[in-house]
């Protein structure tokens, strides 16, 4: 009976460790979702008469693609794509918003890059990184 108890304890500890690891990986995706929604809002929300450029529209589309990739992997926090976290110092001018969007996409990219790299998540990570690279390129073109 002692052997069974030890085996059960070891199996339980392994399961708990793997659940904790998976949760840490999902936390990276959740942070990335928040950053992507913030970047999307910065690009899509234009005060005054600021018109959205083709590059900005393309970047919003790529951000939506990245968000949808993450959601397809059943990593969803239930928030709408238009949700965005509150910003302490919100930029109201176009260059400031583009710069902030670029920073948020970059942070999301870091979280995705450092996230789980096994099985189904490898494809998710690679596809999401491609969308984010394209979104960054669009934002940088819009800033020029």
Protein backbone atom coordinates (compact mmCIF):
# COMPACT_ATOMS: atom_id res chain seq x y z
CA UNK A 1 0.00 0.00 0.00
CA UNK A 2 2.92 2.36 0.70
CA UNK A 3 4.19 1.91 -2.85
CA UNK A 4 0.79 2.76 -4.27
CA UNK A 5 0.57 5.90 -2.10
CA UNK A 6 4.01 7.06 -3.23
CA UNK A 7 3.15 6.41 -6.86
CA UNK A 8 -0.11 8.31 -6.48
CA UNK A 9 1.75 11.19 -4.82
CA UNK A 10 4.35 11.33 -7.61
CA UNK A 11 1.68 11.21 -10.33
CA UNK A 12 -0.29 13.94 -8.55
CA UNK A 13 2.80 16.17 -8.28
CA UNK A 14 3.64 15.67 -11.96
CA UNK A 15 0.07 16.53 -12.94
CA UNK A 16 0.07 19.66 -10.77
CA UNK A 17 3.41 20.78 -12.21
CA UNK A 18 2.20 20.29 -15.78
CA UNK A 19 -1.05 22.19 -15.06
CA UNK A 20 0.95 25.05 -13.51
CA UNK A 21 3.29 25.12 -16.55
CA UNK A 22 0.35 25.16 -18.97
CA UNK A 23 -1.28 27.99 -17.01
CA UNK A 24 1.93 30.05 -17.19
CA UNK A 25 1.99 29.51 -20.95
CA UNK A 26 -1.67 30.53 -21.25
CA UNK A 27 -0.93 33.63 -19.15
CA UNK A 28 1.53 34.71 -21.86
CA UNK A 29 -1.21 34.36 -24.46
CA UNK A 30 -3.65 36.30 -22.25
CA UNK A 31 -1.12 39.14 -21.85
CA UNK A 32 -0.54 39.07 -25.59
CA UNK A 33 -4.32 39.30 -26.19
CA UNK A 34 -4.53 42.39 -23.96
CA UNK A 35 -1.60 44.03 -25.75
CA UNK A 36 -3.02 43.18 -29.18
CA UNK A 37 -6.41 44.62 -28.28
CA UNK A 38 -4.70 47.75 -26.99
CA UNK A 39 -2.70 48.10 -30.22
CA UNK A 40 -5.85 47.51 -32.26
CA UNK A 41 -7.64 50.25 -30.34
CA UNK A 42 -4.73 52.66 -30.82
CA UNK A 43 -4.89 52.09 -34.57
CA UNK A 44 -8.67 52.03 -34.90
CA UNK A 45 -9.68 54.82 -32.49
CA UNK A 46 -8.94 58.16 -34.10
CA UNK A 47 -9.82 61.37 -32.28
CA UNK A 48 -10.73 64.42 -34.33
CA UNK A 49 -10.53 64.12 -38.09
CA UNK A 50 -7.58 61.76 -38.33
CA UNK A 51 -8.23 59.43 -41.25
CA UNK A 52 -7.06 55.85 -41.09
CA UNK A 53 -4.45 54.94 -43.70
CA UNK A 54 -4.43 51.74 -45.73
CA UNK A 55 -1.44 50.53 -43.68
CA UNK A 56 -3.31 51.08 -40.43
CA UNK A 57 -6.35 49.18 -41.74
CA UNK A 58 -4.03 46.36 -42.85
CA UNK A 59 -2.37 46.30 -39.40
CA UNK A 60 -5.79 46.08 -37.68
CA UNK A 61 -6.65 43.14 -39.96
CA UNK A 62 -3.39 41.36 -39.08
CA UNK A 63 -3.95 42.00 -35.38
CA UNK A 64 -7.44 40.50 -35.73
CA UNK A 65 -5.88 37.50 -37.50
CA UNK A 66 -3.42 37.04 -34.62
CA UNK A 67 -6.20 37.31 -32.02
CA UNK A 68 -8.28 34.77 -33.94
CA UNK A 69 -5.31 32.35 -34.16
CA UNK A 70 -4.99 32.45 -30.38
CA UNK A 71 -8.73 31.97 -29.94
CA UNK A 72 -8.76 28.96 -32.30
CA UNK A 73 -6.35 27.27 -29.92
CA UNK A 74 -9.06 27.61 -27.25
CA UNK A 75 -7.10 30.28 -25.44
CA UNK A 76 -9.80 32.84 -24.98
CA UNK A 77 -10.47 35.28 -22.18
CA UNK A 78 -13.99 35.92 -23.47
CA UNK A 79 -13.38 39.56 -24.32
CA UNK A 80 -14.42 41.27 -27.52
CA UNK A 81 -11.69 42.33 -29.99
CA UNK A 82 -12.69 45.95 -29.37
CA UNK A 83 -11.97 45.66 -25.63
CA UNK A 84 -8.80 47.42 -24.61
CA UNK A 85 -7.06 47.86 -21.31
CA UNK A 86 -7.11 51.32 -19.76
CA UNK A 87 -4.06 53.36 -20.66
CA UNK A 88 -2.44 55.63 -18.08
CA UNK A 89 -1.19 58.12 -20.63
CA UNK A 90 -3.26 57.82 -23.76
CA UNK A 91 -1.78 59.35 -26.89
CA UNK A 92 -4.12 61.58 -28.85
CA UNK A 93 -1.85 62.44 -31.75
CA UNK A 94 -1.33 60.07 -34.66
CA UNK A 95 2.46 59.58 -34.25
CA UNK A 96 2.04 58.84 -30.55
CA UNK A 97 -0.71 56.31 -31.20
CA UNK A 98 1.31 54.57 -33.91
CA UNK A 99 4.35 54.43 -31.61
CA UNK A 100 2.22 53.04 -28.75
CA UNK A 101 0.60 50.47 -31.06
CA UNK A 102 4.06 49.40 -32.23
CA UNK A 103 5.20 48.94 -28.61
CA UNK A 104 2.11 46.89 -27.73
CA UNK A 105 2.51 44.64 -30.78
CA UNK A 106 6.18 44.20 -29.85
CA UNK A 107 5.28 43.16 -26.30
CA UNK A 108 2.66 40.73 -27.58
CA UNK A 109 5.25 39.35 -29.98
CA UNK A 110 7.68 38.73 -27.09
CA UNK A 111 5.01 36.90 -25.08
CA UNK A 112 4.06 34.73 -28.06
CA UNK A 113 7.71 34.06 -28.93
CA UNK A 114 8.42 32.90 -25.37
CA UNK A 115 5.25 30.82 -25.07
CA UNK A 116 4.86 27.09 -25.36
CA UNK A 117 6.58 25.48 -28.34
CA UNK A 118 5.12 21.98 -28.32
CA UNK A 119 2.69 20.23 -30.65
CA UNK A 120 -0.31 22.31 -31.65
CA UNK A 121 1.18 25.38 -30.00
CA UNK A 122 4.17 25.45 -32.35
CA UNK A 123 1.89 26.05 -35.33
CA UNK A 124 -0.15 28.57 -33.34
CA UNK A 125 2.98 30.43 -32.34
CA UNK A 126 4.41 30.47 -35.85
CA UNK A 127 1.17 31.65 -37.49
CA UNK A 128 0.60 34.31 -34.84
CA UNK A 129 4.20 35.55 -35.15
CA UNK A 130 3.73 35.89 -38.92
CA UNK A 131 0.59 38.01 -38.42
CA UNK A 132 2.36 40.16 -35.84
CA UNK A 133 5.41 40.68 -38.06
CA UNK A 134 3.10 41.82 -40.85
CA UNK A 135 1.17 44.12 -38.48
CA UNK A 136 4.44 45.67 -37.27
CA UNK A 137 5.55 46.26 -40.85
CA UNK A 138 2.20 47.94 -41.63
CA UNK A 139 2.40 50.17 -38.55
CA UNK A 140 5.98 51.19 -39.39
CA UNK A 141 4.94 52.02 -42.97
CA UNK A 142 2.03 54.08 -41.63
CA UNK A 143 4.42 55.98 -39.35
CA UNK A 144 6.59 57.02 -42.31
